Amino acid sequence: MMNNIFSKLGILFAIGFFLLFSVSVSYAKPKKLLVVTVTKGYKHQSIPVLEKVIEELGKSSGNFTVDYARTDEDLAVKMNAAGLQDYDGVIFASTTGDLPLPSMEAFLKWIKAGGAFIGIHAATDTFKENQPYYEMIGGTFLAHGPQLKVTLNNNDQKHAATENFDKSFEIFDEIYTFKNFSREKTHILLSLDKNPNQSDKENFNKSGFYPIAWCHNYGKGKVFYTALGHREDVLQSESFKKHLLGGILWALKQAKGSAEPQVKSKK
C-alpha cells in the first residue's frame, strides 16, 4: 500500500517538475529584434560596430536574437504589416532620412499594439518632417557642434538603462540638441543643464535643459531612445553597452523602469 502511495507521489512529482521545466523554457525563449541600418542621409561609419555591439549584447544576455534590415528590399519584406509580426522589437540604429517603409501607419500601429522600439543616436535624424514618427520617438534632431566632453545628469538611477551610471558623469561624444520635444510627454533618463552646441556661439554653455536619453509608453508598446553612440569608442565602452542593454530590455518589458514623465502636464 505504502509503495503504491510513494509510487504515485513520485509520478506526480515528475509531472510537476516537467510542467515547471516546460514553463521555464517557454519563458526563457529569446525575443527577436530587427536592427534597421538603412540610411537616406548621412551614413555613420560606426554602424557596423553598432550592429556588432547589439548582436553581442543579445548573445551575452541570452534575452534576444537579432535580424537585420540593411537595404530597401529588406525593409519591404521585413517591415510590412505581416513581416513585423515576426519581431518583438525594432531598433533604428543611426538611421537617417526618410526610409522607404512599406507603411508608417502599420509600423506605428505595431508599436502601439505592444512592440518595442529602440532608437539610437541618429534615429531622431530620421523622418524629421513626419509628425507621427517624431511624436512616437519623442523628438527631432536639431543640431550638433564639434564632438566634446560634457557632464551628463542621470535623471533616474533606478531605471535599467541608467542604473549603471553615477548621478553625473563625463562622456566625450557628438552631442545632439532637439526640437519637437516635450518633457511632459516622456520620462527623462539623461540630460544636460547647459547648451552643448559650440557652433551656437551666442548660446553655448548657457543654462537650460537639454535631453539626451528618454523613454515612454506608446500605446501598449514601449519606446527607448538614446542620443549617445556616434563614436566607435563610445559604442564599445562597457558603460554604453550596459546603458543600451538596459534600454533594450526595458523596451522588451524584461527590465525595470518608470515611463512616467517627471514633469506633469499643466492641463
C-alpha atoms as a PDB file:
ATOM      1  CA  MET A   1       0.000   0.000   0.000  1.00  0.00           C
ATOM      2  CA  MET A   2       2.738   2.424   1.063  1.00  0.00           C
ATOM      3  CA  ASN A   3       4.763   1.535  -2.015  1.00  0.00           C
ATOM      4  CA  ASN A   4       1.805   2.433  -4.241  1.00  0.00           C
ATOM      5  CA  ILE A   5       1.400   5.786  -2.463  1.00  0.00           C
ATOM      6  CA  PHE A   6       5.092   6.615  -2.857  1.00  0.00           C
ATOM      7  CA  SER A   7       4.952   5.478  -6.454  1.00  0.00           C
ATOM      8  CA  LYS A   8       2.008   7.762  -7.182  1.00  0.00           C
ATOM      9  CA  LEU A   9       3.675  10.655  -5.379  1.00  0.00           C
ATOM     10  CA  GLY A  10       6.779  10.082  -7.464  1.00  0.00           C
ATOM     11  CA  ILE A  11       4.765  10.202 -10.662  1.00  0.00           C
ATOM     12  CA  LEU A  12       3.004  13.394  -9.555  1.00  0.00           C
ATOM     13  CA  PHE A  13       6.346  14.966  -8.625  1.00  0.00           C
ATOM     14  CA  ALA A  14       7.803  14.040 -12.024  1.00  0.00           C
ATOM     15  CA  ILE A  15       4.793  15.512 -13.838  1.00  0.00           C
ATOM     16  CA  GLY A  16       5.001  18.707 -11.769  1.00  0.00           C
ATOM     17  CA  PHE A  17       8.725  19.041 -12.434  1.00  0.00           C
ATOM     18  CA  PHE A  18       8.162  18.518 -16.172  1.00  0.00           C
ATOM     19  CA  LEU A  19       5.456  21.176 -16.283  1.00  0.00           C
ATOM     20  CA  LEU A  20       7.586  23.634 -14.302  1.00  0.00           C
ATOM     21  CA  PHE A  21      10.562  22.991 -16.576  1.00  0.00           C
ATOM     22  CA  SER A  22       8.384  23.460 -19.667  1.00  0.00           C
ATOM     23  CA  VAL A  23       7.072  26.777 -18.393  1.00  0.00           C
ATOM     24  CA  SER A  24      10.623  27.930 -17.581  1.00  0.00           C
ATOM     25  CA  VAL A  25      11.896  27.008 -21.024  1.00  0.00           C
ATOM     26  CA  SER A  26       8.980  28.781 -22.676  1.00  0.00           C
ATOM     27  CA  TYR A  27       9.519  31.932 -20.582  1.00  0.00           C
ATOM     28  CA  ALA A  28      13.225  31.981 -21.350  1.00  0.00           C
ATOM     29  CA  LYS A  29      12.744  31.915 -25.118  1.00  0.00           C
ATOM     30  CA  PRO A  30      14.752  34.847 -26.540  1.00  0.00           C
ATOM     31  CA  LYS A  31      12.924  37.778 -28.066  1.00  0.00           C
ATOM     32  CA  LYS A  32      13.633  38.664 -31.695  1.00  0.00           C
ATOM     33  CA  LEU A  33      14.800  42.134 -32.728  1.00  0.00           C
ATOM     34  CA  LEU A  34      15.030  43.693 -36.173  1.00  0.00           C
ATOM     35  CA  VAL A  35      18.024  46.037 -36.417  1.00  0.00           C
ATOM     36  CA  VAL A  36      17.469  48.645 -39.145  1.00  0.00           C
ATOM     37  CA  THR A  37      20.571  50.397 -40.520  1.00  0.00           C
ATOM     38  CA  VAL A  38      19.219  51.800 -43.800  1.00  0.00           C
ATOM     39  CA  THR A  39      20.251  55.432 -44.341  1.00  0.00           C
ATOM     40  CA  LYS A  40      18.997  58.053 -46.779  1.00  0.00           C
ATOM     41  CA  GLY A  41      21.044  60.925 -45.350  1.00  0.00           C
ATOM     42  CA  TYR A  42      24.408  60.932 -43.604  1.00  0.00           C
ATOM     43  CA  LYS A  43      25.755  57.397 -43.116  1.00  0.00           C
ATOM     44  CA  HIS A  44      27.608  56.871 -39.856  1.00  0.00           C
ATOM     45  CA  GLN A  45      30.825  54.917 -40.276  1.00  0.00           C
ATOM     46  CA  SER A  46      30.239  53.411 -36.843  1.00  0.00           C
ATOM     47  CA  ILE A  47      27.120  51.475 -37.942  1.00  0.00           C
ATOM     48  CA  PRO A  48      28.953  48.124 -38.442  1.00  0.00           C
ATOM     49  CA  VAL A  49      30.370  48.469 -34.912  1.00  0.00           C
ATOM     50  CA  LEU A  50      26.894  49.252 -33.565  1.00  0.00           C
ATOM     51  CA  GLU A  51      25.456  46.184 -35.307  1.00  0.00           C
ATOM     52  CA  LYS A  52      28.136  44.016 -33.719  1.00  0.00           C
ATOM     53  CA  VAL A  53      27.561  45.513 -30.260  1.00  0.00           C
ATOM     54  CA  ILE A  54      23.812  44.843 -30.417  1.00  0.00           C
ATOM     55  CA  GLU A  55      24.330  41.270 -31.596  1.00  0.00           C
ATOM     56  CA  GLU A  56      26.895  40.616 -28.850  1.00  0.00           C
ATOM     57  CA  LEU A  57      24.542  42.018 -26.216  1.00  0.00           C
ATOM     58  CA  GLY A  58      21.868  39.623 -27.386  1.00  0.00           C
ATOM     59  CA  LYS A  59      24.210  36.651 -27.224  1.00  0.00           C
ATOM     60  CA  SER A  60      25.798  37.532 -23.882  1.00  0.00           C
ATOM     61  CA  SER A  61      22.464  38.249 -22.180  1.00  0.00           C
ATOM     62  CA  GLY A  62      20.550  35.441 -23.854  1.00  0.00           C
ATOM     63  CA  ASN A  63      17.496  37.705 -23.926  1.00  0.00           C
ATOM     64  CA  PHE A  64      17.232  38.328 -27.653  1.00  0.00           C
ATOM     65  CA  THR A  65      18.425  37.431 -31.118  1.00  0.00           C
ATOM     66  CA  VAL A  66      18.865  39.867 -33.994  1.00  0.00           C
ATOM     67  CA  ASP A  67      17.967  40.079 -37.650  1.00  0.00           C
ATOM     68  CA  TYR A  68      18.946  42.947 -39.959  1.00  0.00           C
ATOM     69  CA  ALA A  69      17.334  45.301 -42.440  1.00  0.00           C
ATOM     70  CA  ARG A  70      20.245  46.852 -44.340  1.00  0.00           C
ATOM     71  CA  THR A  71      18.605  47.523 -47.700  1.00  0.00           C
ATOM     72  CA  ASP A  72      15.382  48.926 -49.129  1.00  0.00           C
ATOM     73  CA  GLU A  73      14.476  45.391 -50.166  1.00  0.00           C
ATOM     74  CA  ASP A  74      14.895  44.194 -46.576  1.00  0.00           C
ATOM     75  CA  LEU A  75      12.542  46.925 -45.368  1.00  0.00           C
ATOM     76  CA  ALA A  76       9.916  45.989 -47.953  1.00  0.00           C
ATOM     77  CA  VAL A  77       9.819  42.386 -46.743  1.00  0.00           C
ATOM     78  CA  LYS A  78      10.527  42.674 -43.019  1.00  0.00           C
ATOM     79  CA  MET A  79       8.691  45.869 -42.123  1.00  0.00           C
ATOM     80  CA  ASN A  80       5.367  45.406 -43.822  1.00  0.00           C
ATOM     81  CA  ALA A  81       2.385  44.628 -41.585  1.00  0.00           C
ATOM     82  CA  ALA A  82       2.875  40.872 -41.909  1.00  0.00           C
ATOM     83  CA  GLY A  83       6.657  40.907 -41.603  1.00  0.00           C
ATOM     84  CA  LEU A  84       6.616  42.892 -38.361  1.00  0.00           C
ATOM     85  CA  GLN A  85       4.705  40.089 -36.681  1.00  0.00           C
ATOM     86  CA  ASP A  86       7.930  38.052 -36.700  1.00  0.00           C
ATOM     87  CA  TYR A  87       9.602  40.517 -34.307  1.00  0.00           C
ATOM     88  CA  ASP A  88       9.235  41.643 -30.712  1.00  0.00           C
ATOM     89  CA  GLY A  89      11.167  44.862 -31.240  1.00  0.00           C
ATOM     90  CA  VAL A  90      12.717  47.124 -33.855  1.00  0.00           C
ATOM     91  CA  ILE A  91      15.926  49.114 -33.454  1.00  0.00           C
ATOM     92  CA  PHE A  92      16.695  52.130 -35.626  1.00  0.00           C
ATOM     93  CA  ALA A  93      20.493  52.104 -35.360  1.00  0.00           C
ATOM     94  CA  SER A  94      21.691  55.535 -36.544  1.00  0.00           C
ATOM     95  CA  THR A  95      19.234  55.532 -39.425  1.00  0.00           C
ATOM     96  CA  THR A  96      18.886  58.835 -41.291  1.00  0.00           C
ATOM     97  CA  GLY A  97      16.474  60.436 -43.747  1.00  0.00           C
ATOM     98  CA  ASP A  98      13.113  59.209 -44.975  1.00  0.00           C
ATOM     99  CA  LEU A  99      13.280  55.435 -45.100  1.00  0.00           C
ATOM    100  CA  PRO A 100      11.109  53.599 -47.660  1.00  0.00           C
ATOM    101  CA  LEU A 101       8.914  51.858 -45.112  1.00  0.00           C
ATOM    102  CA  PRO A 102       6.039  49.906 -46.670  1.00  0.00           C
ATOM    103  CA  SER A 103       3.661  51.720 -44.313  1.00  0.00           C
ATOM    104  CA  MET A 104       4.417  54.153 -41.498  1.00  0.00           C
ATOM    105  CA  GLU A 105       0.864  53.642 -40.280  1.00  0.00           C
ATOM    106  CA  ALA A 106       1.360  49.880 -39.995  1.00  0.00           C
ATOM    107  CA  PHE A 107       4.694  50.343 -38.212  1.00  0.00           C
ATOM    108  CA  LEU A 108       3.289  52.719 -35.595  1.00  0.00           C
ATOM    109  CA  LYS A 109       0.221  50.504 -35.171  1.00  0.00           C
ATOM    110  CA  TRP A 110       2.555  47.567 -34.493  1.00  0.00           C
ATOM    111  CA  ILE A 111       4.333  49.507 -31.738  1.00  0.00           C
ATOM    112  CA  LYS A 112       1.041  50.643 -30.194  1.00  0.00           C
ATOM    113  CA  ALA A 113      -0.102  47.018 -30.121  1.00  0.00           C
ATOM    114  CA  GLY A 114       2.835  46.119 -27.871  1.00  0.00           C
ATOM    115  CA  GLY A 115       6.005  46.220 -29.968  1.00  0.00           C
ATOM    116  CA  ALA A 116       9.285  47.605 -28.655  1.00  0.00           C
ATOM    117  CA  PHE A 117      11.046  50.495 -30.388  1.00  0.00           C
ATOM    118  CA  ILE A 118      14.646  51.406 -29.640  1.00  0.00           C
ATOM    119  CA  GLY A 119      16.224  54.445 -31.291  1.00  0.00           C
ATOM    120  CA  ILE A 120      19.964  55.031 -31.212  1.00  0.00           C
ATOM    121  CA  HIS A 121      21.724  58.326 -31.993  1.00  0.00           C
ATOM    122  CA  ALA A 122      20.599  59.428 -35.484  1.00  0.00           C
ATOM    123  CA  ALA A 123      17.218  57.706 -35.187  1.00  0.00           C
ATOM    124  CA  THR A 124      15.932  61.221 -34.427  1.00  0.00           C
ATOM    125  CA  ASP A 125      17.505  62.397 -37.704  1.00  0.00           C
ATOM    126  CA  THR A 126      15.053  60.053 -39.434  1.00  0.00           C
ATOM    127  CA  PHE A 127      11.639  61.127 -40.774  1.00  0.00           C
ATOM    128  CA  LYS A 128      12.310  64.647 -39.491  1.00  0.00           C
ATOM    129  CA  GLU A 129       9.181  66.072 -41.115  1.00  0.00           C
ATOM    130  CA  ASN A 130       6.933  63.131 -40.264  1.00  0.00           C
ATOM    131  CA  GLN A 131       4.910  64.203 -37.235  1.00  0.00           C
ATOM    132  CA  PRO A 132       3.511  60.761 -36.292  1.00  0.00           C
ATOM    133  CA  TYR A 133       7.075  59.381 -36.256  1.00  0.00           C
ATOM    134  CA  TYR A 134       8.679  62.140 -34.230  1.00  0.00           C
ATOM    135  CA  GLU A 135       5.795  62.112 -31.783  1.00  0.00           C
ATOM    136  CA  MET A 136       6.408  58.377 -31.348  1.00  0.00           C
ATOM    137  CA  ILE A 137      10.162  58.661 -30.802  1.00  0.00           C
ATOM    138  CA  GLY A 138       9.835  61.854 -28.770  1.00  0.00           C
ATOM    139  CA  GLY A 139      11.789  64.491 -30.675  1.00  0.00           C
ATOM    140  CA  THR A 140      13.672  65.555 -33.791  1.00  0.00           C
ATOM    141  CA  PHE A 141      17.392  66.150 -34.220  1.00  0.00           C
ATOM    142  CA  LEU A 142      18.065  69.877 -34.430  1.00  0.00           C
ATOM    143  CA  ALA A 143      21.831  70.379 -34.431  1.00  0.00           C
ATOM    144  CA  HIS A 144      25.211  69.366 -33.074  1.00  0.00           C
ATOM    145  CA  GLY A 145      28.523  71.123 -32.763  1.00  0.00           C
ATOM    146  CA  PRO A 146      32.023  69.627 -32.663  1.00  0.00           C
ATOM    147  CA  GLN A 147      32.429  66.495 -30.575  1.00  0.00           C
ATOM    148  CA  LEU A 148      33.219  67.423 -26.986  1.00  0.00           C
ATOM    149  CA  LYS A 149      33.348  66.255 -23.396  1.00  0.00           C
ATOM    150  CA  VAL A 150      30.194  67.014 -21.432  1.00  0.00           C
ATOM    151  CA  THR A 151      28.907  66.230 -17.963  1.00  0.00           C
ATOM    152  CA  LEU A 152      25.602  64.383 -18.179  1.00  0.00           C
ATOM    153  CA  ASN A 153      22.974  64.283 -15.443  1.00  0.00           C
ATOM    154  CA  ASN A 154      21.448  60.916 -14.603  1.00  0.00           C
ATOM    155  CA  ASN A 155      17.771  61.658 -14.064  1.00  0.00           C
ATOM    156  CA  ASP A 156      16.797  58.145 -12.977  1.00  0.00           C
ATOM    157  CA  GLN A 157      19.339  55.894 -11.275  1.00  0.00           C
ATOM    158  CA  LYS A 158      16.687  53.213 -10.731  1.00  0.00           C
ATOM    159  CA  HIS A 159      15.951  52.667 -14.429  1.00  0.00           C
ATOM    160  CA  ALA A 160      17.554  49.668 -16.140  1.00  0.00           C
ATOM    161  CA  ALA A 161      19.076  51.915 -18.833  1.00  0.00           C
ATOM    162  CA  THR A 162      20.796  54.262 -16.397  1.00  0.00           C
ATOM    163  CA  GLU A 163      21.307  52.346 -13.143  1.00  0.00           C
ATOM    164  CA  ASN A 164      24.963  51.753 -14.049  1.00  0.00           C
ATOM    165  CA  PHE A 165      25.731  55.487 -14.316  1.00  0.00           C
ATOM    166  CA  ASP A 166      26.648  57.804 -11.441  1.00  0.00           C
ATOM    167  CA  LYS A 167      24.380  60.743 -10.645  1.00  0.00           C
ATOM    168  CA  SER A 168      26.545  62.740 -13.047  1.00  0.00           C
ATOM    169  CA  PHE A 169      29.354  61.587 -15.318  1.00  0.00           C
ATOM    170  CA  GLU A 170      31.528  62.754 -18.186  1.00  0.00           C
ATOM    171  CA  ILE A 171      31.443  61.499 -21.752  1.00  0.00           C
ATOM    172  CA  PHE A 172      33.105  62.561 -24.996  1.00  0.00           C
ATOM    173  CA  ASP A 173      30.771  62.171 -27.960  1.00  0.00           C
ATOM    174  CA  GLU A 174      28.770  64.027 -30.591  1.00  0.00           C
ATOM    175  CA  ILE A 175      26.005  65.706 -28.591  1.00  0.00           C
ATOM    176  CA  TYR A 176      22.629  66.467 -30.166  1.00  0.00           C
ATOM    177  CA  THR A 177      20.101  69.166 -29.440  1.00  0.00           C
ATOM    178  CA  PHE A 178      16.439  68.643 -30.332  1.00  0.00           C
ATOM    179  CA  LYS A 179      13.195  70.208 -31.471  1.00  0.00           C
ATOM    180  CA  ASN A 180       9.645  68.804 -31.330  1.00  0.00           C
ATOM    181  CA  PHE A 181      10.418  67.634 -27.799  1.00  0.00           C
ATOM    182  CA  SER A 182       8.250  67.869 -24.683  1.00  0.00           C
ATOM    183  CA  ARG A 183       9.314  66.947 -21.145  1.00  0.00           C
ATOM    184  CA  GLU A 184       5.645  66.445 -20.323  1.00  0.00           C
ATOM    185  CA  LYS A 185       5.394  63.519 -22.749  1.00  0.00           C
ATOM    186  CA  THR A 186       8.401  61.395 -21.836  1.00  0.00           C
ATOM    187  CA  HIS A 187      10.493  60.092 -18.949  1.00  0.00           C
ATOM    188  CA  ILE A 188      13.931  61.710 -18.883  1.00  0.00           C
ATOM    189  CA  LEU A 189      16.892  59.394 -18.352  1.00  0.00           C
ATOM    190  CA  LEU A 190      19.921  61.544 -19.229  1.00  0.00           C
ATOM    191  CA  SER A 191      20.192  65.282 -19.742  1.00  0.00           C
ATOM    192  CA  LEU A 192      22.438  68.333 -19.783  1.00  0.00           C
ATOM    193  CA  ASP A 193      21.882  71.622 -17.973  1.00  0.00           C
ATOM    194  CA  LYS A 194      23.968  73.660 -20.418  1.00  0.00           C
ATOM    195  CA  ASN A 195      23.798  74.184 -24.191  1.00  0.00           C
ATOM    196  CA  PRO A 196      26.362  71.720 -25.668  1.00  0.00           C
ATOM    197  CA  ASN A 197      26.464  73.199 -29.190  1.00  0.00           C
ATOM    198  CA  GLN A 198      29.740  75.088 -29.629  1.00  0.00           C
ATOM    199  CA  SER A 199      28.589  76.219 -33.063  1.00  0.00           C
ATOM    200  CA  ASP A 200      25.863  78.250 -31.356  1.00  0.00           C
ATOM    201  CA  LYS A 201      28.426  80.794 -30.163  1.00  0.00           C
ATOM    202  CA  GLU A 202      25.888  83.157 -28.572  1.00  0.00           C
ATOM    203  CA  ASN A 203      24.182  80.450 -26.514  1.00  0.00           C
ATOM    204  CA  PHE A 204      26.922  77.840 -25.993  1.00  0.00           C
ATOM    205  CA  ASN A 205      27.181  76.796 -22.330  1.00  0.00           C
ATOM    206  CA  LYS A 206      24.146  78.832 -21.328  1.00  0.00           C
ATOM    207  CA  SER A 207      21.992  77.219 -18.655  1.00  0.00           C
ATOM    208  CA  GLY A 208      18.937  75.284 -19.775  1.00  0.00           C
ATOM    209  CA  PHE A 209      17.516  71.797 -20.177  1.00  0.00           C
ATOM    210  CA  TYR A 210      18.878  69.552 -22.936  1.00  0.00           C
ATOM    211  CA  PRO A 211      17.644  65.926 -23.128  1.00  0.00           C
ATOM    212  CA  ILE A 212      19.986  63.119 -24.153  1.00  0.00           C
ATOM    213  CA  ALA A 213      18.098  59.881 -23.408  1.00  0.00           C
ATOM    214  CA  TRP A 214      14.455  59.191 -22.582  1.00  0.00           C
ATOM    215  CA  CYS A 215      11.681  56.591 -22.638  1.00  0.00           C
ATOM    216  CA  HIS A 216       7.885  56.393 -22.617  1.00  0.00           C
ATOM    217  CA  ASN A 217       4.900  54.208 -23.318  1.00  0.00           C
ATOM    218  CA  TYR A 218       3.348  54.315 -26.763  1.00  0.00           C
ATOM    219  CA  GLY A 219       0.011  52.603 -26.591  1.00  0.00           C
ATOM    220  CA  LYS A 220       0.836  49.134 -25.268  1.00  0.00           C
ATOM    221  CA  GLY A 221       4.369  49.405 -26.641  1.00  0.00           C
ATOM    222  CA  LYS A 222       7.498  50.957 -25.163  1.00  0.00           C
ATOM    223  CA  VAL A 223       9.934  53.440 -26.698  1.00  0.00           C
ATOM    224  CA  PHE A 224      13.545  53.968 -25.592  1.00  0.00           C
ATOM    225  CA  TYR A 225      15.876  56.498 -27.217  1.00  0.00           C
ATOM    226  CA  THR A 226      19.489  57.471 -26.565  1.00  0.00           C
ATOM    227  CA  ALA A 227      21.337  60.190 -28.453  1.00  0.00           C
ATOM    228  CA  LEU A 228      24.693  58.739 -27.454  1.00  0.00           C
ATOM    229  CA  GLY A 229      26.649  56.443 -29.743  1.00  0.00           C
ATOM    230  CA  HIS A 230      28.215  58.461 -32.553  1.00  0.00           C
ATOM    231  CA  ARG A 231      31.773  57.424 -31.758  1.00  0.00           C
ATOM    232  CA  GLU A 232      33.033  53.857 -32.041  1.00  0.00           C
ATOM    233  CA  ASP A 233      34.875  54.066 -28.724  1.00  0.00           C
ATOM    234  CA  VAL A 234      31.629  55.097 -27.021  1.00  0.00           C
ATOM    235  CA  LEU A 235      29.750  52.178 -28.619  1.00  0.00           C
ATOM    236  CA  GLN A 236      32.440  49.751 -27.449  1.00  0.00           C
ATOM    237  CA  SER A 237      32.613  51.073 -23.879  1.00  0.00           C
ATOM    238  CA  GLU A 238      31.169  48.900 -21.133  1.00  0.00           C
ATOM    239  CA  SER A 239      29.135  51.799 -19.745  1.00  0.00           C
ATOM    240  CA  PHE A 240      27.372  52.394 -23.064  1.00  0.00           C
ATOM    241  CA  LYS A 241      26.748  48.671 -23.554  1.00  0.00           C
ATOM    242  CA  LYS A 242      25.058  48.481 -20.150  1.00  0.00           C
ATOM    243  CA  HIS A 243      23.054  51.617 -20.982  1.00  0.00           C
ATOM    244  CA  LEU A 244      21.896  50.191 -24.307  1.00  0.00           C
ATOM    245  CA  LEU A 245      21.172  46.710 -22.970  1.00  0.00           C
ATOM    246  CA  GLY A 246      19.120  48.165 -20.131  1.00  0.00           C
ATOM    247  CA  GLY A 247      17.134  50.259 -22.600  1.00  0.00           C
ATOM    248  CA  ILE A 248      16.541  47.322 -24.939  1.00  0.00           C
ATOM    249  CA  LEU A 249      15.398  45.010 -22.150  1.00  0.00           C
ATOM    250  CA  TRP A 250      13.157  47.737 -20.727  1.00  0.00           C
ATOM    251  CA  ALA A 251      11.525  48.250 -24.127  1.00  0.00           C
ATOM    252  CA  LEU A 252      11.038  44.479 -24.371  1.00  0.00           C
ATOM    253  CA  LYS A 253       9.343  44.567 -20.931  1.00  0.00           C
ATOM    254  CA  GLN A 254      12.108  42.455 -19.425  1.00  0.00           C
ATOM    255  CA  ALA A 255      13.661  45.062 -17.134  1.00  0.00           C
ATOM    256  CA  LYS A 256      12.514  47.601 -14.564  1.00  0.00           C
ATOM    257  CA  GLY A 257      11.998  51.306 -15.050  1.00  0.00           C
ATOM    258  CA  SER A 258       9.411  54.048 -14.971  1.00  0.00           C
ATOM    259  CA  ALA A 259       7.897  55.538 -18.111  1.00  0.00           C
ATOM    260  CA  GLU A 260       6.120  58.381 -16.323  1.00  0.00           C
ATOM    261  CA  PRO A 261       7.139  61.960 -17.230  1.00  0.00           C
ATOM    262  CA  GLN A 262       8.826  63.729 -14.319  1.00  0.00           C
ATOM    263  CA  VAL A 263       7.238  66.991 -15.473  1.00  0.00           C
ATOM    264  CA  LYS A 264       3.463  66.847 -15.358  1.00  0.00           C
ATOM    265  CA  SER A 265       1.199  68.456 -17.917  1.00  0.00           C
ATOM    266  CA  LYS A 266      -0.391  71.702 -16.794  1.00  0.00           C
ATOM    267  CA  LYS A 267      -3.666  70.805 -18.485  1.00  0.00           C
END
